[in-house]
Amino acid sequence: IVAGATEPISIAVQKFEVAGNASPKDAAMIRAVVENDLKTTGLFRIANHDAFPEYVT
C-alpha cells in the first residue's frame, strides 16, 4: 500500500428506532451527534437523508 484515500467516504446514518420510554427527539439528537462526529474527522461525508431508504429491514 503506497497511498490512502484522499476523498471522504460517503456514509449513511439511519434513523434510530424508538422503543419504550425513548423519545423521537432524543433519537434524532443522537443521530445528529453521530453524524457530526463522523463528519468532523474529515474521513466521512454524510449522505443526504433523502438518498437512502427510510427504514432498514
N, C-alpha and C. Protein backbone atom coordinates (compact mmCIF):
# COMPACT_ATOMS: atom_id res chain seq x y z
N ILE A 1 0.86 -1.17 0.00
CA ILE A 1 0.00 0.00 0.00
C ILE A 1 0.90 1.22 0.00
N VAL A 2 0.69 2.10 -0.96
CA VAL A 2 1.54 3.28 -1.08
C VAL A 2 0.79 4.58 -0.82
N ALA A 3 -0.54 4.52 -0.76
CA ALA A 3 -1.30 5.75 -0.52
C ALA A 3 -2.66 5.41 0.08
N GLY A 4 -3.22 6.35 0.79
CA GLY A 4 -4.54 6.18 1.37
C GLY A 4 -5.59 6.89 0.54
N ALA A 5 -6.81 6.83 0.99
CA ALA A 5 -7.90 7.52 0.31
C ALA A 5 -7.74 9.03 0.49
N THR A 6 -8.03 9.77 -0.57
CA THR A 6 -7.92 11.22 -0.48
C THR A 6 -9.27 11.90 -0.35
N GLU A 7 -10.33 11.19 -0.67
CA GLU A 7 -11.68 11.73 -0.57
C GLU A 7 -12.41 11.09 0.62
N PRO A 8 -13.26 11.86 1.29
CA PRO A 8 -14.04 11.27 2.38
C PRO A 8 -14.95 10.15 1.86
N ILE A 9 -15.16 9.15 2.67
CA ILE A 9 -16.03 8.03 2.33
C ILE A 9 -17.47 8.42 2.62
N SER A 10 -18.34 8.21 1.65
CA SER A 10 -19.76 8.51 1.84
C SER A 10 -20.37 7.47 2.77
N ILE A 11 -21.12 7.94 3.75
CA ILE A 11 -21.73 7.03 4.74
C ILE A 11 -23.14 7.53 5.06
N ALA A 12 -24.03 6.58 5.30
CA ALA A 12 -25.40 6.91 5.67
C ALA A 12 -25.63 6.51 7.12
N VAL A 13 -26.26 7.38 7.87
CA VAL A 13 -26.61 7.07 9.25
C VAL A 13 -28.13 7.00 9.31
N GLN A 14 -28.64 5.81 9.51
CA GLN A 14 -30.09 5.60 9.55
C GLN A 14 -30.70 6.20 10.81
N LYS A 15 -32.01 6.46 10.75
CA LYS A 15 -32.73 6.89 11.94
C LYS A 15 -32.70 5.77 12.96
N PHE A 16 -32.66 6.15 14.24
CA PHE A 16 -32.73 5.17 15.30
C PHE A 16 -34.19 4.84 15.57
N GLU A 17 -34.49 3.56 15.73
CA GLU A 17 -35.85 3.15 16.05
C GLU A 17 -36.12 3.47 17.52
N VAL A 18 -37.27 4.06 17.77
CA VAL A 18 -37.63 4.47 19.13
C VAL A 18 -38.50 3.39 19.76
N ALA A 19 -38.16 3.01 20.99
CA ALA A 19 -38.94 2.00 21.71
C ALA A 19 -38.99 2.37 23.18
N GLY A 20 -40.00 1.87 23.85
CA GLY A 20 -40.12 2.11 25.29
C GLY A 20 -40.32 3.58 25.61
N ASN A 21 -39.56 4.08 26.57
CA ASN A 21 -39.70 5.46 27.02
C ASN A 21 -38.86 6.45 26.23
N ALA A 22 -38.13 5.99 25.23
CA ALA A 22 -37.29 6.88 24.43
C ALA A 22 -38.17 7.80 23.59
N SER A 23 -37.70 9.02 23.38
CA SER A 23 -38.47 9.96 22.58
C SER A 23 -37.84 10.11 21.20
N PRO A 24 -38.66 10.40 20.19
CA PRO A 24 -38.13 10.64 18.84
C PRO A 24 -37.12 11.79 18.82
N LYS A 25 -37.34 12.78 19.68
CA LYS A 25 -36.42 13.92 19.75
C LYS A 25 -35.03 13.47 20.21
N ASP A 26 -34.99 12.61 21.23
CA ASP A 26 -33.70 12.09 21.72
C ASP A 26 -33.01 11.27 20.64
N ALA A 27 -33.78 10.44 19.93
CA ALA A 27 -33.21 9.62 18.86
C ALA A 27 -32.62 10.50 17.76
N ALA A 28 -33.31 11.57 17.41
CA ALA A 28 -32.82 12.49 16.38
C ALA A 28 -31.55 13.20 16.85
N MET A 29 -31.49 13.55 18.13
CA MET A 29 -30.29 14.21 18.65
C MET A 29 -29.09 13.27 18.64
N ILE A 30 -29.31 12.00 18.99
CA ILE A 30 -28.22 11.03 18.97
C ILE A 30 -27.71 10.85 17.55
N ARG A 31 -28.62 10.75 16.59
CA ARG A 31 -28.23 10.62 15.18
C ARG A 31 -27.39 11.82 14.74
N ALA A 32 -27.82 13.01 15.13
CA ALA A 32 -27.09 14.23 14.76
C ALA A 32 -25.68 14.23 15.35
N VAL A 33 -25.54 13.77 16.59
CA VAL A 33 -24.22 13.71 17.24
C VAL A 33 -23.32 12.72 16.51
N VAL A 34 -23.86 11.54 16.18
CA VAL A 34 -23.07 10.53 15.47
C VAL A 34 -22.63 11.07 14.11
N GLU A 35 -23.56 11.68 13.37
CA GLU A 35 -23.21 12.25 12.07
C GLU A 35 -22.14 13.32 12.19
N ASN A 36 -22.29 14.20 13.16
CA ASN A 36 -21.32 15.28 13.34
C ASN A 36 -19.95 14.73 13.72
N ASP A 37 -19.92 13.74 14.60
CA ASP A 37 -18.64 13.14 14.99
C ASP A 37 -17.93 12.52 13.79
N LEU A 38 -18.68 11.80 12.96
CA LEU A 38 -18.08 11.18 11.77
C LEU A 38 -17.59 12.24 10.79
N LYS A 39 -18.42 13.25 10.57
CA LYS A 39 -18.09 14.30 9.60
C LYS A 39 -16.86 15.10 10.02
N THR A 40 -16.75 15.40 11.29
CA THR A 40 -15.64 16.25 11.74
C THR A 40 -14.29 15.54 11.74
N THR A 41 -14.28 14.21 11.56
CA THR A 41 -13.00 13.51 11.43
C THR A 41 -12.34 13.83 10.09
N GLY A 42 -13.16 14.26 9.12
CA GLY A 42 -12.64 14.52 7.78
C GLY A 42 -12.55 13.26 6.93
N LEU A 43 -12.87 12.11 7.52
CA LEU A 43 -12.78 10.84 6.81
C LEU A 43 -14.09 10.43 6.16
N PHE A 44 -15.20 11.05 6.59
CA PHE A 44 -16.52 10.64 6.12
C PHE A 44 -17.31 11.83 5.59
N ARG A 45 -18.16 11.54 4.61
CA ARG A 45 -19.12 12.52 4.07
C ARG A 45 -20.50 11.91 4.32
N ILE A 46 -21.36 12.61 5.02
CA ILE A 46 -22.68 12.10 5.36
C ILE A 46 -23.59 12.20 4.13
N ALA A 47 -24.18 11.06 3.76
CA ALA A 47 -25.08 11.02 2.62
C ALA A 47 -26.35 11.79 2.93
N ASN A 48 -26.93 12.37 1.89
CA ASN A 48 -28.20 13.08 2.01
C ASN A 48 -29.26 12.11 2.53
N HIS A 49 -30.04 12.52 3.50
CA HIS A 49 -31.05 11.64 4.10
C HIS A 49 -32.09 11.18 3.09
N ASP A 50 -32.31 11.95 2.03
CA ASP A 50 -33.28 11.57 1.01
C ASP A 50 -32.72 10.53 0.04
N ALA A 51 -31.44 10.22 0.15
CA ALA A 51 -30.79 9.33 -0.81
C ALA A 51 -30.82 7.86 -0.41
N PHE A 52 -31.41 7.53 0.74
CA PHE A 52 -31.42 6.14 1.16
C PHE A 52 -32.77 5.80 1.80
N PRO A 53 -33.10 4.51 1.91
CA PRO A 53 -34.41 4.10 2.46
C PRO A 53 -34.64 4.63 3.87
N GLU A 54 -35.90 4.85 4.17
CA GLU A 54 -36.28 5.38 5.48
C GLU A 54 -36.02 4.38 6.60
N TYR A 55 -36.31 3.10 6.36
CA TYR A 55 -36.15 2.09 7.40
C TYR A 55 -35.33 0.92 6.87
N VAL A 56 -34.49 0.38 7.72
CA VAL A 56 -33.71 -0.80 7.37
C VAL A 56 -34.54 -2.02 7.74
N THR A 57 -34.60 -3.00 6.84
CA THR A 57 -35.37 -4.21 7.14
C THR A 57 -34.45 -5.40 7.22
